[in-house]
Amino acid sequence: APAALVVALAAAPAAAELPEPVIRMLVEAHRGGD
């Protein structure tokens, strides 16, 4: 049972990271200062 759980967790997809354009958009908004 634990072995099956380990295999299932390993197969589960990792949490998606924020796309680079969104990160740049947040940075540029703060750079503008509005």
Full PDB file with SEQRES, HELIX, SHEET, SSBOND, CRYST1, ORIGX, SCALE, CONECT and MASTER records, all heavy atoms in Angstrom:
SEQRES   1 A   34  ALA PRO ALA ALA LEU VAL VAL ALA LEU ALA ALA ALA PRO          
SEQRES   2 A   34  ALA ALA ALA GLU LEU PRO GLU PRO VAL ILE ARG MET LEU          
SEQRES   3 A   34  VAL GLU ALA HIS ARG GLY GLY ASP                              
HELIX    1 AA1 PRO A    2  ALA A   11  1                                  10    
HELIX    2 AA2 GLU A   20  GLY A   32  1                                  13    
CRYST1    1.000    1.000    1.000  90.00  90.00  90.00 P 1           1          
ORIGX1      1.000000  0.000000  0.000000        0.00000                         
ORIGX2      0.000000  1.000000  0.000000        0.00000                         
ORIGX3      0.000000  0.000000  1.000000        0.00000                         
SCALE1      1.000000  0.000000  0.000000        0.00000                         
SCALE2      0.000000  1.000000  0.000000        0.00000                         
SCALE3      0.000000  0.000000  1.000000        0.00000                         
ATOM      1  N   ALA A   1       0.814  -1.216   0.000  1.00  0.00           N  
ATOM      2  CA  ALA A   1       0.000   0.000   0.000  1.00  0.00           C  
ATOM      3  C   ALA A   1       0.850   1.270   0.000  1.00  0.00           C  
ATOM      4  O   ALA A   1       0.660   2.153  -0.838  1.00  0.00           O  
ATOM      5  CB  ALA A   1      -0.950  -0.021   1.188  1.00  0.00           C  
ATOM      6  N   PRO A   2       1.844   1.402   0.916  1.00  0.00           N  
ATOM      7  CA  PRO A   2       2.705   2.591   0.852  1.00  0.00           C  
ATOM      8  C   PRO A   2       3.471   2.676  -0.457  1.00  0.00           C  
ATOM      9  O   PRO A   2       3.673   3.764  -0.989  1.00  0.00           O  
ATOM     10  CB  PRO A   2       3.649   2.411   2.040  1.00  0.00           C  
ATOM     11  CG  PRO A   2       2.911   1.541   2.977  1.00  0.00           C  
ATOM     12  CD  PRO A   2       2.133   0.603   2.109  1.00  0.00           C  
ATOM     13  N   ALA A   3       3.883   1.559  -0.985  1.00  0.00           N  
ATOM     14  CA  ALA A   3       4.622   1.575  -2.240  1.00  0.00           C  
ATOM     15  C   ALA A   3       3.752   2.116  -3.363  1.00  0.00           C  
ATOM     16  O   ALA A   3       4.195   2.923  -4.186  1.00  0.00           O  
ATOM     17  CB  ALA A   3       5.103   0.163  -2.572  1.00  0.00           C  
ATOM     18  N   ALA A   4       2.475   1.695  -3.363  1.00  0.00           N  
ATOM     19  CA  ALA A   4       1.566   2.189  -4.395  1.00  0.00           C  
ATOM     20  C   ALA A   4       1.341   3.701  -4.239  1.00  0.00           C  
ATOM     21  O   ALA A   4       1.225   4.434  -5.220  1.00  0.00           O  
ATOM     22  CB  ALA A   4       0.231   1.451  -4.304  1.00  0.00           C  
ATOM     23  N   LEU A   5       1.303   4.167  -2.977  1.00  0.00           N  
ATOM     24  CA  LEU A   5       1.112   5.592  -2.725  1.00  0.00           C  
ATOM     25  C   LEU A   5       2.296   6.412  -3.224  1.00  0.00           C  
ATOM     26  O   LEU A   5       2.139   7.470  -3.828  1.00  0.00           O  
ATOM     27  CB  LEU A   5       0.904   5.821  -1.221  1.00  0.00           C  
ATOM     28  CG  LEU A   5       0.687   7.277  -0.777  1.00  0.00           C  
ATOM     29  CD1 LEU A   5      -0.547   7.851  -1.452  1.00  0.00           C  
ATOM     30  CD2 LEU A   5       0.561   7.347   0.736  1.00  0.00           C  
ATOM     31  N   VAL A   6       3.510   5.862  -3.004  1.00  0.00           N  
ATOM     32  CA  VAL A   6       4.718   6.562  -3.469  1.00  0.00           C  
ATOM     33  C   VAL A   6       4.717   6.666  -4.981  1.00  0.00           C  
ATOM     34  O   VAL A   6       5.019   7.725  -5.564  1.00  0.00           O  
ATOM     35  CB  VAL A   6       5.988   5.840  -2.968  1.00  0.00           C  
ATOM     36  CG1 VAL A   6       7.228   6.417  -3.643  1.00  0.00           C  
ATOM     37  CG2 VAL A   6       6.091   5.970  -1.461  1.00  0.00           C  
ATOM     38  N   VAL A   7       4.335   5.564  -5.640  1.00  0.00           N  
ATOM     39  CA  VAL A   7       4.300   5.566  -7.110  1.00  0.00           C  
ATOM     40  C   VAL A   7       3.274   6.574  -7.612  1.00  0.00           C  
ATOM     41  O   VAL A   7       3.505   7.314  -8.561  1.00  0.00           O  
ATOM     42  CB  VAL A   7       3.987   4.145  -7.636  1.00  0.00           C  
ATOM     43  CG1 VAL A   7       3.745   4.177  -9.134  1.00  0.00           C  
ATOM     44  CG2 VAL A   7       5.133   3.200  -7.301  1.00  0.00           C  
ATOM     45  N   ALA A   8       2.099   6.652  -6.929  1.00  0.00           N  
ATOM     46  CA  ALA A   8       1.051   7.579  -7.358  1.00  0.00           C  
ATOM     47  C   ALA A   8       1.487   9.029  -7.194  1.00  0.00           C  
ATOM     48  O   ALA A   8       1.235   9.880  -8.055  1.00  0.00           O  
ATOM     49  CB  ALA A   8      -0.230   7.317  -6.568  1.00  0.00           C  
ATOM     50  N   LEU A   9       2.155   9.348  -6.079  1.00  0.00           N  
ATOM     51  CA  LEU A   9       2.629  10.705  -5.850  1.00  0.00           C  
ATOM     52  C   LEU A   9       3.687  11.096  -6.855  1.00  0.00           C  
ATOM     53  O   LEU A   9       3.733  12.242  -7.335  1.00  0.00           O  
ATOM     54  CB  LEU A   9       3.180  10.852  -4.425  1.00  0.00           C  
ATOM     55  CG  LEU A   9       2.139  10.800  -3.302  1.00  0.00           C  
ATOM     56  CD1 LEU A   9       2.827  10.805  -1.945  1.00  0.00           C  
ATOM     57  CD2 LEU A   9       1.153  11.953  -3.417  1.00  0.00           C  
ATOM     58  N   ALA A  10       4.542  10.154  -7.188  1.00  0.00           N  
ATOM     59  CA  ALA A  10       5.591  10.434  -8.154  1.00  0.00           C  
ATOM     60  C   ALA A  10       4.999  10.705  -9.526  1.00  0.00           C  
ATOM     61  O   ALA A  10       5.511  11.520 -10.299  1.00  0.00           O  
ATOM     62  CB  ALA A  10       6.576   9.270  -8.218  1.00  0.00           C  
ATOM     63  N   ALA A  11       3.894  10.029  -9.815  1.00  0.00           N  
ATOM     64  CA  ALA A  11       3.274  10.195 -11.128  1.00  0.00           C  
ATOM     65  C   ALA A  11       2.416  11.441 -11.212  1.00  0.00           C  
ATOM     66  O   ALA A  11       2.077  11.913 -12.294  1.00  0.00           O  
ATOM     67  CB  ALA A  11       2.418   8.968 -11.469  1.00  0.00           C  
ATOM     68  N   ALA A  12       2.007  12.033 -10.043  1.00  0.00           N  
ATOM     69  CA  ALA A  12       1.139  13.209 -10.045  1.00  0.00           C  
ATOM     70  C   ALA A  12       1.886  14.415 -10.595  1.00  0.00           C  
ATOM     71  O   ALA A  12       3.069  14.600 -10.328  1.00  0.00           O  
ATOM     72  CB  ALA A  12       0.660  13.513  -8.621  1.00  0.00           C  
ATOM     73  N   PRO A  13       1.222  15.299 -11.366  1.00  0.00           N  
ATOM     74  CA  PRO A  13       1.892  16.461 -11.949  1.00  0.00           C  
ATOM     75  C   PRO A  13       2.240  17.489 -10.876  1.00  0.00           C  
ATOM     76  O   PRO A  13       1.492  17.697  -9.924  1.00  0.00           O  
ATOM     77  CB  PRO A  13       0.833  17.014 -12.917  1.00  0.00           C  
ATOM     78  CG  PRO A  13      -0.480  16.537 -12.377  1.00  0.00           C  
ATOM     79  CD  PRO A  13      -0.204  15.208 -11.757  1.00  0.00           C  
ATOM     80  N   ALA A  14       3.373  18.147 -11.012  1.00  0.00           N  
ATOM     81  CA  ALA A  14       3.793  19.180 -10.064  1.00  0.00           C  
ATOM     82  C   ALA A  14       2.966  20.440 -10.280  1.00  0.00           C  
ATOM     83  O   ALA A  14       2.396  20.654 -11.341  1.00  0.00           O  
ATOM     84  CB  ALA A  14       5.281  19.499 -10.259  1.00  0.00           C  
ATOM     85  N   ALA A  15       2.895  21.275  -9.221  1.00  0.00           N  
ATOM     86  CA  ALA A  15       2.134  22.524  -9.317  1.00  0.00           C  
ATOM     87  C   ALA A  15       2.727  23.402 -10.417  1.00  0.00           C  
ATOM     88  O   ALA A  15       3.941  23.561 -10.522  1.00  0.00           O  
ATOM     89  CB  ALA A  15       2.162  23.274  -7.982  1.00  0.00           C  
ATOM     90  N   ALA A  16       1.855  23.942 -11.255  1.00  0.00           N  
ATOM     91  CA  ALA A  16       2.312  24.735 -12.389  1.00  0.00           C  
ATOM     92  C   ALA A  16       2.913  26.052 -11.904  1.00  0.00           C  
ATOM     93  O   ALA A  16       2.426  26.664 -10.953  1.00  0.00           O  
ATOM     94  CB  ALA A  16       1.150  25.006 -13.327  1.00  0.00           C  
ATOM     95  N   GLU A  17       4.001  26.472 -12.538  1.00  0.00           N  
ATOM     96  CA  GLU A  17       4.613  27.737 -12.211  1.00  0.00           C  
ATOM     97  C   GLU A  17       3.941  28.856 -12.999  1.00  0.00           C  
ATOM     98  O   GLU A  17       3.360  28.629 -14.057  1.00  0.00           O  
ATOM     99  CB  GLU A  17       6.109  27.697 -12.523  1.00  0.00           C  
ATOM    100  CG  GLU A  17       6.890  26.707 -11.685  1.00  0.00           C  
ATOM    101  CD  GLU A  17       8.374  26.760 -11.991  1.00  0.00           C  
ATOM    102  OE1 GLU A  17       8.734  27.473 -12.950  1.00  0.00           O  
ATOM    103  OE2 GLU A  17       9.145  26.102 -11.292  1.00  0.00           O  
ATOM    104  N   LEU A  18       4.052  30.075 -12.457  1.00  0.00           N  
ATOM    105  CA  LEU A  18       3.495  31.219 -13.177  1.00  0.00           C  
ATOM    106  C   LEU A  18       4.231  31.407 -14.496  1.00  0.00           C  
ATOM    107  O   LEU A  18       5.460  31.331 -14.540  1.00  0.00           O  
ATOM    108  CB  LEU A  18       3.631  32.485 -12.326  1.00  0.00           C  
ATOM    109  CG  LEU A  18       2.588  32.721 -11.245  1.00  0.00           C  
ATOM    110  CD1 LEU A  18       2.979  33.948 -10.421  1.00  0.00           C  
ATOM    111  CD2 LEU A  18       1.213  32.917 -11.838  1.00  0.00           C  
ATOM    112  N   PRO A  19       3.502  31.686 -15.555  1.00  0.00           N  
ATOM    113  CA  PRO A  19       4.158  31.947 -16.835  1.00  0.00           C  
ATOM    114  C   PRO A  19       5.068  33.164 -16.738  1.00  0.00           C  
ATOM    115  O   PRO A  19       4.780  34.123 -16.016  1.00  0.00           O  
ATOM    116  CB  PRO A  19       3.003  32.194 -17.795  1.00  0.00           C  
ATOM    117  CG  PRO A  19       1.828  31.537 -17.144  1.00  0.00           C  
ATOM    118  CD  PRO A  19       2.051  31.672 -15.677  1.00  0.00           C  
ATOM    119  N   GLU A  20       6.153  33.153 -17.476  1.00  0.00           N  
ATOM    120  CA  GLU A  20       7.113  34.251 -17.448  1.00  0.00           C  
ATOM    121  C   GLU A  20       6.484  35.584 -17.819  1.00  0.00           C  
ATOM    122  O   GLU A  20       6.798  36.616 -17.204  1.00  0.00           O  
ATOM    123  CB  GLU A  20       8.279  33.936 -18.388  1.00  0.00           C  
ATOM    124  CG  GLU A  20       9.405  34.966 -18.362  1.00  0.00           C  
ATOM    125  CD  GLU A  20      10.096  35.045 -17.013  1.00  0.00           C  
ATOM    126  OE1 GLU A  20      10.071  34.038 -16.278  1.00  0.00           O  
ATOM    127  OE2 GLU A  20      10.642  36.117 -16.696  1.00  0.00           O  
ATOM    128  N   PRO A  21       5.558  35.662 -18.815  1.00  0.00           N  
ATOM    129  CA  PRO A  21       4.931  36.961 -19.126  1.00  0.00           C  
ATOM    130  C   PRO A  21       4.165  37.570 -17.951  1.00  0.00           C  
ATOM    131  O   PRO A  21       4.142  38.793 -17.793  1.00  0.00           O  
ATOM    132  CB  PRO A  21       3.990  36.626 -20.290  1.00  0.00           C  
ATOM    133  CG  PRO A  21       4.602  35.425 -20.921  1.00  0.00           C  
ATOM    134  CD  PRO A  21       5.178  34.636 -19.788  1.00  0.00           C  
ATOM    135  N   VAL A  22       3.545  36.712 -17.124  1.00  0.00           N  
ATOM    136  CA  VAL A  22       2.811  37.232 -15.963  1.00  0.00           C  
ATOM    137  C   VAL A  22       3.783  37.814 -14.944  1.00  0.00           C  
ATOM    138  O   VAL A  22       3.540  38.887 -14.363  1.00  0.00           O  
ATOM    139  CB  VAL A  22       1.953  36.121 -15.326  1.00  0.00           C  
ATOM    140  CG1 VAL A  22       1.245  36.644 -14.077  1.00  0.00           C  
ATOM    141  CG2 VAL A  22       0.937  35.603 -16.323  1.00  0.00           C  
ATOM    142  N   ILE A  23       4.899  37.120 -14.733  1.00  0.00           N  
ATOM    143  CA  ILE A  23       5.905  37.625 -13.795  1.00  0.00           C  
ATOM    144  C   ILE A  23       6.439  38.968 -14.278  1.00  0.00           C  
ATOM    145  O   ILE A  23       6.581  39.923 -13.500  1.00  0.00           O  
ATOM    146  CB  ILE A  23       7.043  36.597 -13.630  1.00  0.00           C  
ATOM    147  CG1 ILE A  23       6.506  35.293 -13.033  1.00  0.00           C  
ATOM    148  CG2 ILE A  23       8.160  37.172 -12.760  1.00  0.00           C  
ATOM    149  CD1 ILE A  23       7.534  34.187 -12.931  1.00  0.00           C  
ATOM    150  N   ARG A  24       6.737  39.073 -15.584  1.00  0.00           N  
ATOM    151  CA  ARG A  24       7.247  40.329 -16.135  1.00  0.00           C  
ATOM    152  C   ARG A  24       6.204  41.443 -16.005  1.00  0.00           C  
ATOM    153  O   ARG A  24       6.536  42.602 -15.756  1.00  0.00           O  
ATOM    154  CB  ARG A  24       7.644  40.144 -17.596  1.00  0.00           C  
ATOM    155  CG  ARG A  24       8.915  39.319 -17.793  1.00  0.00           C  
ATOM    156  CD  ARG A  24       9.536  39.603 -19.151  1.00  0.00           C  
ATOM    157  NE  ARG A  24       8.601  39.346 -20.238  1.00  0.00           N  
ATOM    158  CZ  ARG A  24       8.495  38.186 -20.865  1.00  0.00           C  
ATOM    159  NH1 ARG A  24       9.263  37.159 -20.509  1.00  0.00           N  
ATOM    160  NH2 ARG A  24       7.627  38.029 -21.848  1.00  0.00           N  
ATOM    161  N   MET A  25       4.929  41.065 -16.177  1.00  0.00           N  
ATOM    162  CA  MET A  25       3.862  42.052 -16.073  1.00  0.00           C  
ATOM    163  C   MET A  25       3.794  42.629 -14.651  1.00  0.00           C  
ATOM    164  O   MET A  25       3.625  43.838 -14.460  1.00  0.00           O  
ATOM    165  CB  MET A  25       2.532  41.404 -16.448  1.00  0.00           C  
ATOM    166  CG  MET A  25       1.353  42.353 -16.498  1.00  0.00           C  
ATOM    167  SD  MET A  25      -0.117  41.575 -17.208  1.00  0.00           S  
ATOM    168  CE  MET A  25      -0.416  40.267 -15.993  1.00  0.00           C  
ATOM    169  N   LEU A  26       3.937  41.778 -13.637  1.00  0.00           N  
ATOM    170  CA  LEU A  26       3.928  42.244 -12.256  1.00  0.00           C  
ATOM    171  C   LEU A  26       5.126  43.140 -11.972  1.00  0.00           C  
ATOM    172  O   LEU A  26       5.008  44.176 -11.300  1.00  0.00           O  
ATOM    173  CB  LEU A  26       3.921  41.050 -11.304  1.00  0.00           C  
ATOM    174  CG  LEU A  26       2.647  40.188 -11.291  1.00  0.00           C  
ATOM    175  CD1 LEU A  26       2.879  38.890 -10.526  1.00  0.00           C  
ATOM    176  CD2 LEU A  26       1.483  40.967 -10.673  1.00  0.00           C  
ATOM    177  N   VAL A  27       6.300  42.745 -12.494  1.00  0.00           N  
ATOM    178  CA  VAL A  27       7.515  43.532 -12.276  1.00  0.00           C  
ATOM    179  C   VAL A  27       7.378  44.913 -12.926  1.00  0.00           C  
ATOM    180  O   VAL A  27       7.709  45.941 -12.325  1.00  0.00           O  
ATOM    181  CB  VAL A  27       8.745  42.784 -12.824  1.00  0.00           C  
ATOM    182  CG1 VAL A  27       9.978  43.689 -12.792  1.00  0.00           C  
ATOM    183  CG2 VAL A  27       9.005  41.523 -12.010  1.00  0.00           C  
ATOM    184  N   GLU A  28       6.886  44.949 -14.167  1.00  0.00           N  
ATOM    185  CA  GLU A  28       6.752  46.221 -14.884  1.00  0.00           C  
ATOM    186  C   GLU A  28       5.727  47.137 -14.216  1.00  0.00           C  
ATOM    187  O   GLU A  28       5.892  48.356 -14.209  1.00  0.00           O  
ATOM    188  CB  GLU A  28       6.365  45.962 -16.340  1.00  0.00           C  
ATOM    189  CG  GLU A  28       7.479  45.367 -17.188  1.00  0.00           C  
ATOM    190  CD  GLU A  28       8.704  46.262 -17.229  1.00  0.00           C  
ATOM    191  OE1 GLU A  28       8.541  47.508 -17.272  1.00  0.00           O  
ATOM    192  OE2 GLU A  28       9.826  45.730 -17.202  1.00  0.00           O  
ATOM    193  N   ALA A  29       4.664  46.552 -13.670  1.00  0.00           N  
ATOM    194  CA  ALA A  29       3.670  47.371 -12.984  1.00  0.00           C  
ATOM    195  C   ALA A  29       4.292  48.081 -11.785  1.00  0.00           C  
ATOM    196  O   ALA A  29       4.047  49.273 -11.559  1.00  0.00           O  
ATOM    197  CB  ALA A  29       2.487  46.517 -12.543  1.00  0.00           C  
ATOM    198  N   HIS A  30       5.103  47.352 -11.011  1.00  0.00           N  
ATOM    199  CA  HIS A  30       5.759  47.975  -9.857  1.00  0.00           C  
ATOM    200  C   HIS A  30       6.837  48.952 -10.310  1.00  0.00           C  
ATOM    201  O   HIS A  30       7.080  49.963  -9.635  1.00  0.00           O  
ATOM    202  CB  HIS A  30       6.366  46.904  -8.952  1.00  0.00           C  
ATOM    203  CG  HIS A  30       5.352  46.195  -8.104  1.00  0.00           C  
ATOM    204  ND1 HIS A  30       4.589  45.149  -8.566  1.00  0.00           N  
ATOM    205  CD2 HIS A  30       4.971  46.413  -6.808  1.00  0.00           C  
ATOM    206  CE1 HIS A  30       3.792  44.729  -7.599  1.00  0.00           C  
ATOM    207  NE2 HIS A  30       3.993  45.483  -6.529  1.00  0.00           N  
ATOM    208  N   ARG A  31       7.480  48.680 -11.414  1.00  0.00           N  
ATOM    209  CA  ARG A  31       8.502  49.595 -11.915  1.00  0.00           C  
ATOM    210  C   ARG A  31       7.869  50.927 -12.314  1.00  0.00           C  
ATOM    211  O   ARG A  31       8.464  51.984 -12.146  1.00  0.00           O  
ATOM    212  CB  ARG A  31       9.224  48.970 -13.104  1.00  0.00           C  
ATOM    213  CG  ARG A  31      10.412  49.782 -13.611  1.00  0.00           C  
ATOM    214  CD  ARG A  31      11.160  48.995 -14.676  1.00  0.00           C  
ATOM    215  NE  ARG A  31      11.735  47.786 -14.099  1.00  0.00           N  
ATOM    216  CZ  ARG A  31      12.259  46.806 -14.831  1.00  0.00           C  
ATOM    217  NH1 ARG A  31      12.241  46.871 -16.158  1.00  0.00           N  
ATOM    218  NH2 ARG A  31      12.765  45.741 -14.236  1.00  0.00           N  
ATOM    219  N   GLY A  32       6.638  50.872 -12.845  1.00  0.00           N  
ATOM    220  CA  GLY A  32       5.946  52.103 -13.197  1.00  0.00           C  
ATOM    221  C   GLY A  32       5.552  52.929 -11.992  1.00  0.00           C  
ATOM    222  O   GLY A  32       5.436  54.157 -12.077  1.00  0.00           O  
ATOM    223  N   GLY A  33       5.282  52.289 -10.849  1.00  0.00           N  
ATOM    224  CA  GLY A  33       5.012  53.014  -9.621  1.00  0.00           C  
ATOM    225  C   GLY A  33       3.609  53.550  -9.473  1.00  0.00           C  
ATOM    226  O   GLY A  33       3.334  54.314  -8.542  1.00  0.00           O  
ATOM    227  N   ASP A  34       2.694  53.177 -10.352  1.00  0.00           N  
ATOM    228  CA  ASP A  34       1.303  53.630 -10.266  1.00  0.00           C  
ATOM    229  C   ASP A  34       0.520  52.617  -9.430  1.00  0.00           C  
ATOM    230  O   ASP A  34       0.291  51.491  -9.852  1.00  0.00           O  
ATOM    231  CB  ASP A  34       0.702  53.741 -11.671  1.00  0.00           C  
ATOM    232  CG  ASP A  34      -0.682  54.377 -11.667  1.00  0.00           C  
ATOM    233  OD1 ASP A  34      -1.441  54.128 -10.727  1.00  0.00           O  
ATOM    234  OD2 ASP A  34      -1.002  55.114 -12.616  1.00  0.00           O  
TER     235      ASP A  34                                                      
MASTER        0    0    0    2    0    0    0    6  234    1    0    3          
END                                                                             
